[in-house]
Each structure stands twice: as C-alpha cells, then as structure tokens.
Amino acid sequence: MKPFGYLRARTTDEAVSAMTRHPGAVFLGGGTNLIDLMKLGVATPDLLVDVRGLPLDQVADTSDGGLRIGATVRNSDLAAHHAVRTRYPALSQALLSGASGQLRNTATTGGNLLQRTRCPYFQDVSKPCNKRVPGTGCPAREGTHRDLAVIGHSEACVATHPSDMAVALAALDATVQLYGPDGERSVPVTDFHRLPGDTPDRDTVIRPGELITEVLLPPRPEGAVSVYRKARDRASYAFALASVAAVVTARDGRIEHAALAFGGIAHRPWRARAAEEVLRGATATDDTFTRAVDAELAAARPLRDNAFKVELARSLAVDALAALTARN
C-alpha cells in the first residue's frame, strides 16, 4: 500500500490551498471511483483533501427559474429531488440508471463528472495505456474494444466516458462552476470534458487546484419534455453501451427546440449539434428523426468489434424523439 496523507477541508479556500501546496493531492468526495483506482494502483495520490464537510450539499432554485446543484449533493438525493423529477426528468432518469443504490447513496455530483473511464487497459497497470501513462500506446485499438468509442476518438485513445448524469447535463445545457487559485469561473458541461486528441490523459479542462463547487441548470424551455434512454449488457449496475438524453419542445407536429446528447460512444458526453440542426423547425416524424440522427452519426468511425454501437445509438435516439414528440 502506498502511504498517503488526509485533510478534512473546512472551507473551499482551505481545500484549494491544500491542492496548490501539494501537487500530488486529489479531492475526495464520495470516493466511489477514486478508492477503486487507488486499490488498482492506477491512482496514487500523496494527499486526499476531503471536501464532504463543505457547504456544497444543497439543491436550490435560482432567481431565473433554473436549479443550483451543490458539488457534494449525493446522486440518490439529486435523483429524488422534486424539482429534478418534475422539471428535468432526464437527469433523474440518468442518475437512477447508473451504478447501484448503495453507490448512488455515496457518489456526489462533482465526483460523477470527474469519474474516469472503465477501459480495461486503463484499469490494468500491467498494460500500456496513453491515458494512464502518456506515450505508452493504446492497445485497445487492436485489442478488446467492444465497449469503447465509435466517434471522436483518436489514434492515442478510444476510451469512453462512463457517466450517465453528464450526458443528461449536456443535453440540458448545464454549466459547471469552478473555484481555484485564480478565483471562480464557469464552463458549459459540453466543454468541460475533452476529446482525447494527442493528450488523452487529460479528461477535462479543469485546471490544477480547481474544485467543482456546483452545477447550474438553466430554466426549462417552456413546454419542453425530456427523457434519458440507456442500453447496457444487463439490467442494472452496468455502464452504457450507448445512451441518449433528449430535450424537445414540439407544437402542432413541428419541433421548436431540440437538444440531444449521446453517452457510451465517445471520450466525453457527445452533444449532437448536427442532429439538432436537422430537427429544429422540422416536422416530428420518424423520417425526420432518422435523418437527424444519421447526420450526426455519419462521423462515427467504429473499430473492429463495436460497429453495433452506431445502430444502437441510432435506435435509442429515434425512439426517444418519437416518445417525446408523441406527448405534444
């Protein structure tokens, strides 16, 4: 076992200061991913800065009708919150489709966003992995990649981001609030996670020492409905082979607003901008939905064993769009 220090932060300033003083430090929230990685030898922090005691565990309305979600709010509490269930059902559904009840009772909002890939090569320290040790290669490309990326990947990495919650937040146009050595800043969820490129070891745009303090949801568009759909190998406690979050406003059979995000197919939650362009102002028909999704997935580049994920993502998205527009 590698020894490490422990600090229970009393304020956000103390937490950020500790990270600045100790380059080998990491924040500890629920620990549901971090502790696993420490057991595997993938994560070897010198110091754990425990942020669970910080006043970041509240869900509250914003003045403009949106929602403010603290970084240490538990996934189970967020999924059950009345405002989330009634105004942002896709988020509640995404949270409930992830992990197990026990883990949702521990996992936090900030930690969910920062969880790392479950690529088997990343989690096995006896194997090379560019994400874990830059420059060592990506054996997944020619090896076991059935569960990995079909779009947005690079020669350096084909890992996927595992979060369900982040996919819903991407479709809902959420914003991540950060606090670090240089003060506060806001980053749209759609820009928070990175594509791998030549530096797959960097999952997000978060800067050294920065702490996620909250996630902001904008007001729900008038008349908008949302849903989250997920396909996986078993009914529970499994990561997505493909998933989709959709937010739609339709009137008189025509789509006024559409936001679509895919999970399980890329290094980050994949916001489907090309599909949204086709959908906006179009007639709500299965043909429209198929054309829109195909416009997005035309950029897919599946590997030897995961081409099925493209059709799976297409089917999930068309089904979700049809279900939402049938309500209008």
Protein backbone atom coordinates (compact mmCIF):
# COMPACT_ATOMS: atom_id res chain seq x y z
CA MET A 1 0.00 0.00 0.00
CA LYS A 2 1.29 3.46 -0.88
CA PRO A 3 1.04 5.79 2.16
CA PHE A 4 -0.95 8.99 1.73
CA GLY A 5 -2.00 11.96 3.83
CA TYR A 6 -5.54 13.05 4.68
CA LEU A 7 -7.00 16.52 5.22
CA ARG A 8 -10.65 17.26 6.00
CA ALA A 9 -11.15 20.73 4.50
CA ARG A 10 -13.27 23.18 6.46
CA THR A 11 -13.61 25.81 3.72
CA THR A 12 -13.28 25.91 -0.07
CA ASP A 13 -10.25 28.19 0.32
CA GLU A 14 -8.58 25.64 2.59
CA ALA A 15 -9.33 22.86 0.11
CA VAL A 16 -7.94 24.78 -2.86
CA SER A 17 -4.91 25.95 -0.89
CA ALA A 18 -4.07 22.37 0.08
CA MET A 19 -4.22 21.31 -3.57
CA THR A 20 -1.92 24.18 -4.53
CA ARG A 21 0.65 23.29 -1.87
CA HIS A 22 0.61 19.56 -2.64
CA PRO A 23 0.87 18.75 -6.40
CA GLY A 24 0.15 15.09 -5.64
CA ALA A 25 -3.14 15.84 -3.85
CA VAL A 26 -6.64 14.96 -5.05
CA PHE A 27 -10.08 15.93 -3.82
CA LEU A 28 -12.12 13.24 -2.08
CA GLY A 29 -15.91 13.28 -2.36
CA GLY A 30 -17.84 10.03 -2.26
CA GLY A 31 -14.73 8.13 -3.32
CA THR A 32 -16.71 5.54 -5.29
CA ASN A 33 -14.33 5.78 -8.26
CA LEU A 34 -11.18 7.17 -6.64
CA ILE A 35 -10.87 4.45 -4.00
CA ASP A 36 -11.26 1.74 -6.64
CA LEU A 37 -8.48 3.33 -8.69
CA MET A 38 -6.26 3.54 -5.60
CA LYS A 39 -6.83 -0.17 -4.91
CA LEU A 40 -5.84 -0.96 -8.51
CA GLY A 41 -2.73 1.19 -8.30
CA VAL A 42 -3.99 3.48 -11.07
CA ALA A 43 -4.34 6.47 -8.74
CA THR A 44 -1.52 7.08 -6.25
CA PRO A 45 -2.28 10.41 -4.53
CA ASP A 46 0.03 11.80 -1.86
CA LEU A 47 -2.83 13.58 -0.10
CA LEU A 48 -6.61 13.22 -0.02
CA VAL A 49 -8.42 16.51 0.53
CA ASP A 50 -11.84 15.57 1.87
CA VAL A 51 -14.48 18.09 0.71
CA ARG A 52 -17.54 16.31 2.08
CA GLY A 53 -17.80 18.73 5.01
CA LEU A 54 -18.01 21.82 2.81
CA PRO A 55 -21.41 23.59 2.46
CA LEU A 56 -21.89 22.32 -1.09
CA ASP A 57 -24.66 19.79 -0.46
CA GLN A 58 -27.79 21.79 -1.32
CA VAL A 59 -30.16 21.89 -4.29
CA ALA A 60 -31.88 25.26 -4.69
CA ASP A 61 -33.85 27.27 -7.23
CA THR A 62 -32.10 30.14 -8.97
CA SER A 63 -33.68 33.56 -9.42
CA ASP A 64 -34.34 32.94 -13.13
CA GLY A 65 -36.14 29.60 -12.60
CA GLY A 66 -33.16 27.30 -13.02
CA LEU A 67 -31.59 25.00 -10.46
CA ARG A 68 -28.38 25.17 -8.45
CA ILE A 69 -26.85 21.78 -7.53
CA GLY A 70 -24.02 21.65 -4.98
CA ALA A 71 -20.98 19.55 -5.83
CA THR A 72 -21.39 17.23 -2.83
CA VAL A 73 -25.09 16.51 -3.35
CA ARG A 74 -25.50 12.73 -3.40
CA ASN A 75 -26.67 11.13 -6.62
CA SER A 76 -29.60 9.44 -4.88
CA ASP A 77 -30.75 12.71 -3.28
CA LEU A 78 -30.50 14.56 -6.59
CA ALA A 79 -32.44 11.87 -8.47
CA ALA A 80 -35.24 12.02 -5.87
CA HIS A 81 -35.42 15.82 -5.64
CA HIS A 82 -38.89 17.09 -6.59
CA ALA A 83 -37.60 19.88 -8.85
CA VAL A 84 -35.36 17.46 -10.75
CA ARG A 85 -38.07 14.83 -11.20
CA THR A 86 -40.67 17.33 -12.39
CA ARG A 87 -38.61 19.88 -14.36
CA TYR A 88 -35.60 17.84 -15.53
CA PRO A 89 -36.76 14.20 -15.65
CA ALA A 90 -33.94 13.15 -17.99
CA LEU A 91 -31.47 13.97 -15.22
CA SER A 92 -33.35 11.93 -12.63
CA GLN A 93 -33.65 9.00 -15.05
CA ALA A 94 -29.94 9.16 -15.90
CA LEU A 95 -28.92 9.13 -12.25
CA LEU A 96 -31.19 6.20 -11.42
CA SER A 97 -29.79 4.19 -14.33
CA GLY A 98 -26.24 4.46 -13.01
CA ALA A 99 -24.43 2.19 -10.56
CA SER A 100 -26.32 0.63 -7.63
CA GLY A 101 -28.45 2.11 -4.88
CA GLN A 102 -25.59 1.84 -2.41
CA LEU A 103 -23.19 3.69 -4.68
CA ARG A 104 -25.75 6.39 -5.53
CA ASN A 105 -26.13 7.00 -1.80
CA THR A 106 -22.42 7.85 -1.64
CA ALA A 107 -21.44 9.26 -5.05
CA THR A 108 -21.51 13.03 -5.45
CA THR A 109 -22.37 15.40 -8.28
CA GLY A 110 -18.81 16.67 -8.66
CA GLY A 111 -17.30 13.21 -8.42
CA ASN A 112 -19.70 11.87 -11.02
CA LEU A 113 -18.46 14.45 -13.51
CA LEU A 114 -14.84 13.60 -12.73
CA GLN A 115 -15.06 9.81 -12.81
CA ARG A 116 -12.58 8.12 -15.11
CA THR A 117 -13.01 5.62 -17.91
CA ARG A 118 -13.61 1.94 -17.23
CA CYS A 119 -11.47 0.91 -20.22
CA PRO A 120 -9.82 -2.38 -19.10
CA TYR A 121 -6.38 -1.24 -20.29
CA PHE A 122 -6.60 1.95 -18.24
CA GLN A 123 -7.51 -0.04 -15.12
CA ASP A 124 -4.75 -2.64 -15.54
CA VAL A 125 -1.37 -1.23 -14.55
CA SER A 126 0.40 -4.17 -16.18
CA LYS A 127 -0.79 -2.95 -19.61
CA PRO A 128 0.32 0.12 -21.61
CA CYS A 129 -2.20 2.99 -21.76
CA ASN A 130 -1.77 6.53 -23.05
CA LYS A 131 -4.44 7.79 -20.67
CA ARG A 132 -2.64 6.39 -17.64
CA VAL A 133 1.00 6.76 -18.85
CA PRO A 134 1.26 9.13 -21.85
CA GLY A 135 3.29 7.80 -24.74
CA THR A 136 2.93 4.09 -23.96
CA GLY A 137 0.30 3.36 -26.61
CA CYS A 138 -3.36 2.34 -26.90
CA PRO A 139 -3.62 -1.46 -27.11
CA ALA A 140 -7.42 -1.20 -27.05
CA ARG A 141 -7.47 -0.20 -30.72
CA GLU A 142 -6.39 -3.68 -31.77
CA GLY A 143 -7.40 -5.45 -28.59
CA THR A 144 -10.60 -5.51 -26.53
CA HIS A 145 -12.69 -2.52 -27.60
CA ARG A 146 -16.29 -3.75 -27.84
CA ASP A 147 -17.42 -1.26 -25.16
CA LEU A 148 -15.28 1.65 -26.35
CA ALA A 149 -15.62 4.73 -28.56
CA VAL A 150 -17.03 4.87 -32.08
CA ILE A 151 -16.88 8.64 -32.57
CA GLY A 152 -14.46 11.43 -31.63
CA HIS A 153 -11.64 9.02 -30.76
CA SER A 154 -8.00 9.30 -31.84
CA GLU A 155 -5.00 7.10 -32.53
CA ALA A 156 -3.95 7.79 -28.96
CA CYS A 157 -7.16 6.69 -27.19
CA VAL A 158 -10.54 5.04 -27.79
CA ALA A 159 -11.82 5.18 -24.20
CA THR A 160 -15.36 6.28 -23.35
CA HIS A 161 -16.63 8.49 -20.56
CA PRO A 162 -18.75 6.41 -18.15
CA SER A 163 -21.14 8.98 -16.65
CA ASP A 164 -24.90 8.81 -17.25
CA MET A 165 -25.52 12.03 -15.33
CA ALA A 166 -23.11 14.03 -17.50
CA VAL A 167 -24.99 13.02 -20.67
CA ALA A 168 -28.25 14.41 -19.30
CA LEU A 169 -26.49 17.58 -18.12
CA ALA A 170 -25.04 18.06 -21.62
CA ALA A 171 -28.50 17.90 -23.20
CA LEU A 172 -29.86 20.25 -20.53
CA ASP A 173 -27.18 22.91 -21.21
CA ALA A 174 -25.84 22.80 -17.67
CA THR A 175 -22.84 24.81 -16.51
CA VAL A 176 -20.06 23.71 -14.15
CA GLN A 177 -18.95 26.26 -11.56
CA LEU A 178 -15.28 26.04 -10.56
CA TYR A 179 -13.24 27.67 -7.81
CA GLY A 180 -9.45 27.62 -7.85
CA PRO A 181 -6.27 29.60 -7.22
CA ASP A 182 -7.34 32.17 -9.83
CA GLY A 183 -10.88 32.55 -8.47
CA GLU A 184 -14.22 31.46 -9.92
CA ARG A 185 -15.10 30.55 -13.47
CA SER A 186 -17.93 28.85 -15.36
CA VAL A 187 -17.61 26.14 -18.01
CA PRO A 188 -20.51 24.69 -20.02
CA VAL A 189 -20.82 20.95 -19.40
CA THR A 190 -20.49 20.45 -23.16
CA ASP A 191 -16.99 21.99 -22.98
CA PHE A 192 -15.94 20.51 -19.63
CA HIS A 193 -14.86 17.08 -20.89
CA ARG A 194 -12.22 16.79 -23.63
CA LEU A 195 -11.82 14.63 -26.69
CA PRO A 196 -8.61 12.58 -26.45
CA GLY A 197 -6.54 14.01 -29.32
CA ASP A 198 -2.85 13.54 -28.51
CA THR A 199 -3.34 14.10 -24.75
CA PRO A 200 -5.89 11.54 -23.56
CA ASP A 201 -4.52 11.71 -20.01
CA ARG A 202 -6.44 15.00 -19.62
CA ASP A 203 -10.11 14.11 -19.19
CA THR A 204 -11.40 17.63 -18.57
CA VAL A 205 -10.48 21.31 -18.90
CA ILE A 206 -10.23 21.64 -15.12
CA ARG A 207 -7.08 23.49 -14.04
CA PRO A 208 -4.67 22.45 -11.27
CA GLY A 209 -6.18 23.11 -7.88
CA GLU A 210 -9.69 23.85 -9.13
CA LEU A 211 -12.67 22.49 -7.23
CA ILE A 212 -16.13 21.91 -8.68
CA THR A 213 -18.46 23.86 -6.39
CA GLU A 214 -21.81 23.47 -8.14
CA VAL A 215 -23.66 22.72 -11.34
CA LEU A 216 -26.20 25.21 -12.70
CA LEU A 217 -29.22 24.14 -14.76
CA PRO A 218 -30.91 26.84 -16.85
CA PRO A 219 -34.69 27.30 -16.73
CA ARG A 220 -36.54 24.59 -18.63
CA PRO A 221 -37.75 25.90 -22.00
CA GLU A 222 -41.49 26.42 -21.95
CA GLY A 223 -43.27 23.22 -22.95
CA ALA A 224 -40.06 21.18 -23.08
CA VAL A 225 -40.08 17.48 -22.22
CA SER A 226 -37.03 15.31 -21.67
CA VAL A 227 -36.01 11.67 -21.39
CA TYR A 228 -32.92 9.51 -20.88
CA ARG A 229 -32.57 6.09 -22.52
CA LYS A 230 -29.75 3.62 -21.90
CA ALA A 231 -28.75 0.28 -23.44
CA ARG A 232 -26.43 -2.00 -21.47
CA ASP A 233 -25.45 -5.64 -21.17
CA ARG A 234 -27.54 -6.27 -18.06
CA ALA A 235 -30.47 -4.58 -16.37
CA SER A 236 -28.56 -2.93 -13.54
CA TYR A 237 -25.10 -1.90 -12.37
CA ALA A 238 -23.68 -1.73 -15.89
CA PHE A 239 -22.20 1.10 -17.91
CA ALA A 240 -23.87 2.21 -21.14
CA LEU A 241 -23.07 0.57 -24.43
CA ALA A 242 -24.95 3.57 -25.76
CA SER A 243 -27.31 6.07 -24.21
CA VAL A 244 -29.16 9.22 -25.18
CA ALA A 245 -30.62 12.25 -23.42
CA ALA A 246 -33.16 14.27 -25.37
CA VAL A 247 -34.94 17.56 -24.63
CA VAL A 248 -37.68 18.57 -27.06
CA THR A 249 -40.35 21.22 -27.48
CA ALA A 250 -42.87 20.49 -30.23
CA ARG A 251 -46.10 22.24 -31.18
CA ASP A 252 -48.66 21.21 -33.77
CA GLY A 253 -46.39 18.46 -35.02
CA ARG A 254 -43.36 20.71 -35.55
CA ILE A 255 -40.16 20.75 -33.49
CA GLU A 256 -39.38 24.16 -31.98
CA HIS A 257 -36.45 23.18 -29.77
CA ALA A 258 -34.30 20.05 -29.66
CA ALA A 259 -31.21 19.12 -27.65
CA LEU A 260 -29.64 15.69 -27.96
CA ALA A 261 -26.62 14.10 -26.29
CA PHE A 262 -25.17 10.60 -26.55
CA GLY A 263 -23.33 8.60 -23.93
CA GLY A 264 -21.24 5.46 -24.09
CA ILE A 265 -19.90 6.18 -27.59
CA ALA A 266 -17.20 8.82 -27.08
CA HIS A 267 -14.48 10.13 -24.78
CA ARG A 268 -16.97 12.69 -23.48
CA PRO A 269 -20.76 13.12 -23.49
CA TRP A 270 -21.43 13.73 -27.18
CA ARG A 271 -23.69 16.72 -27.88
CA ALA A 272 -25.38 16.04 -31.23
CA ARG A 273 -25.27 19.50 -32.83
CA ALA A 274 -25.67 18.22 -36.40
CA ALA A 275 -28.80 16.28 -35.45
CA GLU A 276 -30.23 19.30 -33.68
CA GLU A 277 -29.85 21.41 -36.81
CA VAL A 278 -31.91 18.92 -38.80
CA LEU A 279 -34.57 18.67 -36.09
CA ARG A 280 -35.07 22.38 -35.43
CA GLY A 281 -38.21 23.58 -37.26
CA ALA A 282 -38.81 20.19 -38.90
CA THR A 283 -41.93 18.03 -38.82
CA ALA A 284 -41.90 15.50 -35.99
CA THR A 285 -41.84 12.23 -37.94
CA ASP A 286 -39.77 9.06 -37.76
CA ASP A 287 -38.20 10.00 -41.07
CA THR A 288 -37.07 13.35 -39.66
CA PHE A 289 -35.67 11.68 -36.54
CA THR A 290 -33.75 9.13 -38.59
CA ARG A 291 -32.31 11.76 -40.93
CA ALA A 292 -31.25 13.88 -37.98
CA VAL A 293 -29.54 11.08 -36.09
CA ASP A 294 -27.86 9.78 -39.25
CA ALA A 295 -26.49 13.27 -39.91
CA GLU A 296 -24.79 13.10 -36.52
CA LEU A 297 -23.58 9.52 -36.63
CA ALA A 298 -22.13 9.89 -40.14
CA ALA A 299 -18.93 10.95 -38.36
CA ALA A 300 -18.72 7.64 -36.48
CA ARG A 301 -15.61 5.53 -37.07
CA PRO A 302 -16.25 2.23 -35.32
CA LEU A 303 -13.46 -0.24 -34.71
CA ARG A 304 -13.40 -3.95 -35.50
CA ASP A 305 -15.84 -5.12 -32.81
CA ASN A 306 -18.05 -2.17 -31.90
CA ALA A 307 -19.89 -1.09 -35.05
CA PHE A 308 -23.11 -2.33 -33.42
CA LYS A 309 -22.97 0.71 -31.12
CA VAL A 310 -23.75 3.05 -34.02
CA GLU A 311 -27.03 1.30 -34.80
CA LEU A 312 -27.78 1.00 -31.09
CA ALA A 313 -27.32 4.75 -30.58
CA ARG A 314 -29.46 5.46 -33.65
CA SER A 315 -32.30 3.28 -32.39
CA LEU A 316 -32.22 4.78 -28.90
CA ALA A 317 -32.29 8.34 -30.23
CA VAL A 318 -35.09 7.79 -32.74
CA ASP A 319 -37.17 6.01 -30.11
CA ALA A 320 -36.58 8.78 -27.54
CA LEU A 321 -37.50 11.53 -30.00
CA ALA A 322 -40.65 9.71 -31.08
CA ALA A 323 -41.71 9.20 -27.47
CA LEU A 324 -41.20 12.87 -26.57
CA THR A 325 -42.96 14.34 -29.59
CA ALA A 326 -45.91 11.98 -29.14
CA ARG A 327 -46.67 13.87 -25.90
CA ASN A 328 -47.19 17.18 -27.73
